[in-house]
């Protein structure tokens, strides 16, 4: 059981760097994730990494500047 079981987290800029690390960390604690960033292939890679570890993540391709 993780500290965040049953919670949902939205992580922006989650396709790389700090956002990716935060998303993976939140998933390890049991949160279900909504991943938001501009690059779909990178978002899918993070989504796949989270799923391979037993987590759940959906992607939301978006440009936060818009």
PDB file of N, CA and C in Angstrom:
ATOM      1  N   UNK A   1       0.848  -1.183   0.000  1.00  0.00           N
ATOM      2  CA  UNK A   1       0.000   0.000   0.000  1.00  0.00           C
ATOM      3  C   UNK A   1       0.891   1.242   0.000  1.00  0.00           C
ATOM      4  N   UNK A   2       0.575   2.143  -0.913  1.00  0.00           N
ATOM      5  CA  UNK A   2       1.316   3.387  -0.977  1.00  0.00           C
ATOM      6  C   UNK A   2       0.562   4.507  -0.276  1.00  0.00           C
ATOM      7  N   UNK A   3       1.270   5.565  -0.019  1.00  0.00           N
ATOM      8  CA  UNK A   3       0.669   6.720   0.646  1.00  0.00           C
ATOM      9  C   UNK A   3      -0.418   7.376  -0.199  1.00  0.00           C
ATOM     10  N   UNK A   4      -0.353   7.173  -1.514  1.00  0.00           N
ATOM     11  CA  UNK A   4      -1.278   7.858  -2.415  1.00  0.00           C
ATOM     12  C   UNK A   4      -2.291   6.936  -3.080  1.00  0.00           C
ATOM     13  N   UNK A   5      -2.493   5.748  -2.536  1.00  0.00           N
ATOM     14  CA  UNK A   5      -3.494   4.829  -3.089  1.00  0.00           C
ATOM     15  C   UNK A   5      -4.847   5.528  -3.157  1.00  0.00           C
ATOM     16  N   UNK A   6      -5.519   5.393  -4.298  1.00  0.00           N
ATOM     17  CA  UNK A   6      -6.836   5.992  -4.460  1.00  0.00           C
ATOM     18  C   UNK A   6      -6.820   7.447  -4.867  1.00  0.00           C
ATOM     19  N   UNK A   7      -5.652   8.034  -5.004  1.00  0.00           N
ATOM     20  CA  UNK A   7      -5.532   9.438  -5.398  1.00  0.00           C
ATOM     21  C   UNK A   7      -5.180   9.529  -6.875  1.00  0.00           C
ATOM     22  N   UNK A   8      -5.495  10.667  -7.485  1.00  0.00           N
ATOM     23  CA  UNK A   8      -5.135  10.952  -8.868  1.00  0.00           C
ATOM     24  C   UNK A   8      -4.251  12.196  -8.868  1.00  0.00           C
ATOM     25  N   UNK A   9      -3.158  12.136  -9.626  1.00  0.00           N
ATOM     26  CA  UNK A   9      -2.246  13.274  -9.716  1.00  0.00           C
ATOM     27  C   UNK A   9      -2.104  13.701 -11.170  1.00  0.00           C
ATOM     28  N   UNK A  10      -2.156  15.000 -11.410  1.00  0.00           N
ATOM     29  CA  UNK A  10      -1.900  15.581 -12.719  1.00  0.00           C
ATOM     30  C   UNK A  10      -0.487  16.137 -12.698  1.00  0.00           C
ATOM     31  N   UNK A  11       0.354  15.649 -13.611  1.00  0.00           N
ATOM     32  CA  UNK A  11       1.740  16.107 -13.671  1.00  0.00           C
ATOM     33  C   UNK A  11       1.974  16.745 -15.042  1.00  0.00           C
ATOM     34  N   UNK A  12       2.275  18.034 -15.050  1.00  0.00           N
ATOM     35  CA  UNK A  12       2.567  18.721 -16.302  1.00  0.00           C
ATOM     36  C   UNK A  12       4.049  18.570 -16.621  1.00  0.00           C
ATOM     37  N   UNK A  13       4.382  18.737 -17.887  1.00  0.00           N
ATOM     38  CA  UNK A  13       5.770  18.589 -18.362  1.00  0.00           C
ATOM     39  C   UNK A  13       6.329  17.235 -17.933  1.00  0.00           C
ATOM     40  N   UNK A  14       5.488  16.213 -18.030  1.00  0.00           N
ATOM     41  CA  UNK A  14       5.832  14.903 -17.477  1.00  0.00           C
ATOM     42  C   UNK A  14       6.537  13.975 -18.459  1.00  0.00           C
ATOM     43  N   UNK A  15       6.902  14.475 -19.624  1.00  0.00           N
ATOM     44  CA  UNK A  15       7.536  13.590 -20.607  1.00  0.00           C
ATOM     45  C   UNK A  15       9.038  13.463 -20.422  1.00  0.00           C
ATOM     46  N   UNK A  16       9.633  14.296 -19.588  1.00  0.00           N
ATOM     47  CA  UNK A  16      11.082  14.205 -19.368  1.00  0.00           C
ATOM     48  C   UNK A  16      11.498  14.948 -18.092  1.00  0.00           C
ATOM     49  N   UNK A  17      12.709  14.764 -17.734  1.00  0.00           N
ATOM     50  CA  UNK A  17      13.364  15.493 -16.644  1.00  0.00           C
ATOM     51  C   UNK A  17      12.605  15.399 -15.315  1.00  0.00           C
ATOM     52  N   UNK A  18      12.441  16.530 -14.665  1.00  0.00           N
ATOM     53  CA  UNK A  18      11.852  16.565 -13.331  1.00  0.00           C
ATOM     54  C   UNK A  18      10.395  16.104 -13.334  1.00  0.00           C
ATOM     55  N   UNK A  19       9.627  16.485 -14.346  1.00  0.00           N
ATOM     56  CA  UNK A  19       8.238  16.067 -14.422  1.00  0.00           C
ATOM     57  C   UNK A  19       8.103  14.556 -14.523  1.00  0.00           C
ATOM     58  N   UNK A  20       8.959  13.946 -15.336  1.00  0.00           N
ATOM     59  CA  UNK A  20       8.950  12.488 -15.475  1.00  0.00           C
ATOM     60  C   UNK A  20       9.298  11.830 -14.146  1.00  0.00           C
ATOM     61  N   UNK A  21      10.324  12.327 -13.489  1.00  0.00           N
ATOM     62  CA  UNK A  21      10.738  11.761 -12.200  1.00  0.00           C
ATOM     63  C   UNK A  21       9.628  11.893 -11.165  1.00  0.00           C
ATOM     64  N   UNK A  22       8.945  13.024 -11.156  1.00  0.00           N
ATOM     65  CA  UNK A  22       7.849  13.210 -10.200  1.00  0.00           C
ATOM     66  C   UNK A  22       6.695  12.262 -10.503  1.00  0.00           C
ATOM     67  N   UNK A  23       6.373  12.090 -11.789  1.00  0.00           N
ATOM     68  CA  UNK A  23       5.287  11.184 -12.168  1.00  0.00           C
ATOM     69  C   UNK A  23       5.595   9.752 -11.736  1.00  0.00           C
ATOM     70  N   UNK A  24       6.803   9.312 -11.987  1.00  0.00           N
ATOM     71  CA  UNK A  24       7.189   7.948 -11.611  1.00  0.00           C
ATOM     72  C   UNK A  24       7.173   7.787 -10.085  1.00  0.00           C
ATOM     73  N   UNK A  25       7.648   8.782  -9.376  1.00  0.00           N
ATOM     74  CA  UNK A  25       7.623   8.741  -7.918  1.00  0.00           C
ATOM     75  C   UNK A  25       6.213   8.691  -7.352  1.00  0.00           C
ATOM     76  N   UNK A  26       5.310   9.480  -7.920  1.00  0.00           N
ATOM     77  CA  UNK A  26       3.920   9.470  -7.472  1.00  0.00           C
ATOM     78  C   UNK A  26       3.268   8.119  -7.768  1.00  0.00           C
ATOM     79  N   UNK A  27       3.574   7.555  -8.935  1.00  0.00           N
ATOM     80  CA  UNK A  27       3.027   6.243  -9.291  1.00  0.00           C
ATOM     81  C   UNK A  27       3.514   5.170  -8.329  1.00  0.00           C
ATOM     82  N   UNK A  28       4.771   5.242  -7.929  1.00  0.00           N
ATOM     83  CA  UNK A  28       5.316   4.266  -6.979  1.00  0.00           C
ATOM     84  C   UNK A  28       4.604   4.325  -5.637  1.00  0.00           C
ATOM     85  N   UNK A  29       4.055   5.490  -5.309  1.00  0.00           N
ATOM     86  CA  UNK A  29       3.317   5.644  -4.053  1.00  0.00           C
ATOM     87  C   UNK A  29       1.837   5.297  -4.205  1.00  0.00           C
ATOM     88  N   UNK A  30       1.440   4.860  -5.419  1.00  0.00           N
ATOM     89  CA  UNK A  30       0.082   4.375  -5.609  1.00  0.00           C
ATOM     90  C   UNK A  30      -0.869   5.317  -6.324  1.00  0.00           C
ATOM     91  N   UNK A  31      -0.434   6.516  -6.657  1.00  0.00           N
ATOM     92  CA  UNK A  31      -1.320   7.455  -7.350  1.00  0.00           C
ATOM     93  C   UNK A  31      -1.554   7.007  -8.786  1.00  0.00           C
ATOM     94  N   UNK A  32      -2.759   7.262  -9.277  1.00  0.00           N
ATOM     95  CA  UNK A  32      -3.041   7.123 -10.706  1.00  0.00           C
ATOM     96  C   UNK A  32      -2.673   8.465 -11.325  1.00  0.00           C
ATOM     97  N   UNK A  33      -2.086   8.436 -12.517  1.00  0.00           N
ATOM     98  CA  UNK A  33      -1.528   9.648 -13.101  1.00  0.00           C
ATOM     99  C   UNK A  33      -2.253  10.123 -14.348  1.00  0.00           C
ATOM    100  N   UNK A  34      -2.296  11.436 -14.509  1.00  0.00           N
ATOM    101  CA  UNK A  34      -2.634  12.086 -15.767  1.00  0.00           C
ATOM    102  C   UNK A  34      -1.350  12.807 -16.171  1.00  0.00           C
ATOM    103  N   UNK A  35      -0.781  12.400 -17.287  1.00  0.00           N
ATOM    104  CA  UNK A  35       0.482  12.959 -17.761  1.00  0.00           C
ATOM    105  C   UNK A  35       0.203  13.982 -18.846  1.00  0.00           C
ATOM    106  N   UNK A  36       0.732  15.186 -18.709  1.00  0.00           N
ATOM    107  CA  UNK A  36       0.512  16.246 -19.688  1.00  0.00           C
ATOM    108  C   UNK A  36       1.845  16.784 -20.178  1.00  0.00           C
ATOM    109  N   UNK A  37       1.983  16.851 -21.501  1.00  0.00           N
ATOM    110  CA  UNK A  37       3.169  17.435 -22.144  1.00  0.00           C
ATOM    111  C   UNK A  37       2.870  17.561 -23.639  1.00  0.00           C
ATOM    112  N   UNK A  38       3.802  18.147 -24.381  1.00  0.00           N
ATOM    113  CA  UNK A  38       3.591  18.365 -25.814  1.00  0.00           C
ATOM    114  C   UNK A  38       3.915  17.160 -26.672  1.00  0.00           C
ATOM    115  N   UNK A  39       4.863  16.354 -26.271  1.00  0.00           N
ATOM    116  CA  UNK A  39       5.386  15.307 -27.150  1.00  0.00           C
ATOM    117  C   UNK A  39       4.747  13.958 -26.858  1.00  0.00           C
ATOM    118  N   UNK A  40       3.893  13.520 -27.760  1.00  0.00           N
ATOM    119  CA  UNK A  40       3.143  12.276 -27.577  1.00  0.00           C
ATOM    120  C   UNK A  40       4.045  11.051 -27.448  1.00  0.00           C
ATOM    121  N   UNK A  41       5.064  10.874 -28.306  1.00  0.00           N
ATOM    122  CA  UNK A  41       5.910   9.681 -28.141  1.00  0.00           C
ATOM    123  C   UNK A  41       6.587   9.610 -26.765  1.00  0.00           C
ATOM    124  N   UNK A  42       7.040  10.738 -26.257  1.00  0.00           N
ATOM    125  CA  UNK A  42       7.679  10.742 -24.934  1.00  0.00           C
ATOM    126  C   UNK A  42       6.651  10.497 -23.830  1.00  0.00           C
ATOM    127  N   UNK A  43       5.447  11.048 -23.990  1.00  0.00           N
ATOM    128  CA  UNK A  43       4.388  10.778 -23.013  1.00  0.00           C
ATOM    129  C   UNK A  43       4.061   9.292 -22.978  1.00  0.00           C
ATOM    130  N   UNK A  44       3.947   8.687 -24.154  1.00  0.00           N
ATOM    131  CA  UNK A  44       3.638   7.253 -24.219  1.00  0.00           C
ATOM    132  C   UNK A  44       4.747   6.415 -23.567  1.00  0.00           C
ATOM    133  N   UNK A  45       6.001   6.850 -23.734  1.00  0.00           N
ATOM    134  CA  UNK A  45       7.114   6.117 -23.122  1.00  0.00           C
ATOM    135  C   UNK A  45       7.012   6.166 -21.595  1.00  0.00           C
ATOM    136  N   UNK A  46       6.672   7.315 -21.042  1.00  0.00           N
ATOM    137  CA  UNK A  46       6.511   7.434 -19.585  1.00  0.00           C
ATOM    138  C   UNK A  46       5.299   6.619 -19.136  1.00  0.00           C
ATOM    139  N   UNK A  47       4.214   6.683 -19.893  1.00  0.00           N
ATOM    140  CA  UNK A  47       3.024   5.899 -19.586  1.00  0.00           C
ATOM    141  C   UNK A  47       3.362   4.404 -19.564  1.00  0.00           C
ATOM    142  N   UNK A  48       4.121   3.949 -20.556  1.00  0.00           N
ATOM    143  CA  UNK A  48       4.520   2.537 -20.618  1.00  0.00           C
ATOM    144  C   UNK A  48       5.409   2.154 -19.448  1.00  0.00           C
ATOM    145  N   UNK A  49       6.322   3.044 -19.057  1.00  0.00           N
ATOM    146  CA  UNK A  49       7.218   2.768 -17.927  1.00  0.00           C
ATOM    147  C   UNK A  49       6.418   2.622 -16.631  1.00  0.00           C
ATOM    148  N   UNK A  50       5.438   3.489 -16.453  1.00  0.00           N
ATOM    149  CA  UNK A  50       4.592   3.420 -15.257  1.00  0.00           C
ATOM    150  C   UNK A  50       3.756   2.143 -15.274  1.00  0.00           C
ATOM    151  N   UNK A  51       3.198   1.800 -16.431  1.00  0.00           N
ATOM    152  CA  UNK A  51       2.389   0.578 -16.547  1.00  0.00           C
ATOM    153  C   UNK A  51       3.227  -0.669 -16.299  1.00  0.00           C
ATOM    154  N   UNK A  52       4.465  -0.684 -16.788  1.00  0.00           N
ATOM    155  CA  UNK A  52       5.348  -1.835 -16.587  1.00  0.00           C
ATOM    156  C   UNK A  52       5.655  -2.053 -15.105  1.00  0.00           C
ATOM    157  N   UNK A  53       5.608  -0.977 -14.326  1.00  0.00           N
ATOM    158  CA  UNK A  53       5.860  -1.074 -12.891  1.00  0.00           C
ATOM    159  C   UNK A  53       4.570  -1.341 -12.112  1.00  0.00           C
ATOM    160  N   UNK A  54       3.444  -1.507 -12.837  1.00  0.00           N
ATOM    161  CA  UNK A  54       2.187  -1.820 -12.171  1.00  0.00           C
ATOM    162  C   UNK A  54       1.293  -0.630 -11.914  1.00  0.00           C
ATOM    163  N   UNK A  55       1.686   0.549 -12.390  1.00  0.00           N
ATOM    164  CA  UNK A  55       0.883   1.750 -12.172  1.00  0.00           C
ATOM    165  C   UNK A  55      -0.084   2.023 -13.304  1.00  0.00           C
ATOM    166  N   UNK A  56      -0.851   3.086 -13.129  1.00  0.00           N
ATOM    167  CA  UNK A  56      -1.840   3.495 -14.122  1.00  0.00           C
ATOM    168  C   UNK A  56      -1.603   4.950 -14.491  1.00  0.00           C
ATOM    169  N   UNK A  57      -1.551   5.238 -15.798  1.00  0.00           N
ATOM    170  CA  UNK A  57      -1.352   6.610 -16.261  1.00  0.00           C
ATOM    171  C   UNK A  57      -2.088   6.825 -17.572  1.00  0.00           C
ATOM    172  N   UNK A  58      -2.745   7.949 -17.670  1.00  0.00           N
ATOM    173  CA  UNK A  58      -3.353   8.388 -18.916  1.00  0.00           C
ATOM    174  C   UNK A  58      -2.542   9.561 -19.432  1.00  0.00           C
ATOM    175  N   UNK A  59      -2.609   9.804 -20.736  1.00  0.00           N
ATOM    176  CA  UNK A  59      -1.854  10.935 -21.274  1.00  0.00           C
ATOM    177  C   UNK A  59      -2.793  11.996 -21.808  1.00  0.00           C
ATOM    178  N   UNK A  60      -2.337  13.231 -21.735  1.00  0.00           N
ATOM    179  CA  UNK A  60      -3.083  14.391 -22.194  1.00  0.00           C
ATOM    180  C   UNK A  60      -2.101  15.291 -22.950  1.00  0.00           C
ATOM    181  N   UNK A  61      -1.956  15.072 -24.274  1.00  0.00           N
ATOM    182  CA  UNK A  61      -1.037  15.899 -25.044  1.00  0.00           C
ATOM    183  C   UNK A  61      -1.519  17.353 -25.059  1.00  0.00           C
ATOM    184  N   UNK A  62      -0.697  18.244 -24.575  1.00  0.00           N
ATOM    185  CA  UNK A  62      -1.075  19.648 -24.515  1.00  0.00           C
ATOM    186  C   UNK A  62       0.157  20.541 -24.449  1.00  0.00           C
ATOM    187  N   UNK A  63       0.000  21.761 -24.892  1.00  0.00           N
ATOM    188  CA  UNK A  63       1.049  22.770 -24.762  1.00  0.00           C
ATOM    189  C   UNK A  63       0.591  23.713 -23.653  1.00  0.00           C
ATOM    190  N   UNK A  64       1.265  23.705 -22.550  1.00  0.00           N
ATOM    191  CA  UNK A  64       0.863  24.498 -21.393  1.00  0.00           C
ATOM    192  C   UNK A  64       0.940  26.000 -21.653  1.00  0.00           C
ATOM    193  N   UNK A  65       1.607  26.406 -22.730  1.00  0.00           N
ATOM    194  CA  UNK A  65       1.691  27.817 -23.064  1.00  0.00           C
ATOM    195  C   UNK A  65       0.388  28.331 -23.702  1.00  0.00           C
ATOM    196  N   UNK A  66      -0.435  27.397 -24.206  1.00  0.00           N
ATOM    197  CA  UNK A  66      -1.689  27.821 -24.866  1.00  0.00           C
ATOM    198  C   UNK A  66      -2.780  28.100 -23.861  1.00  0.00           C
TER     199      UNK A  66
END
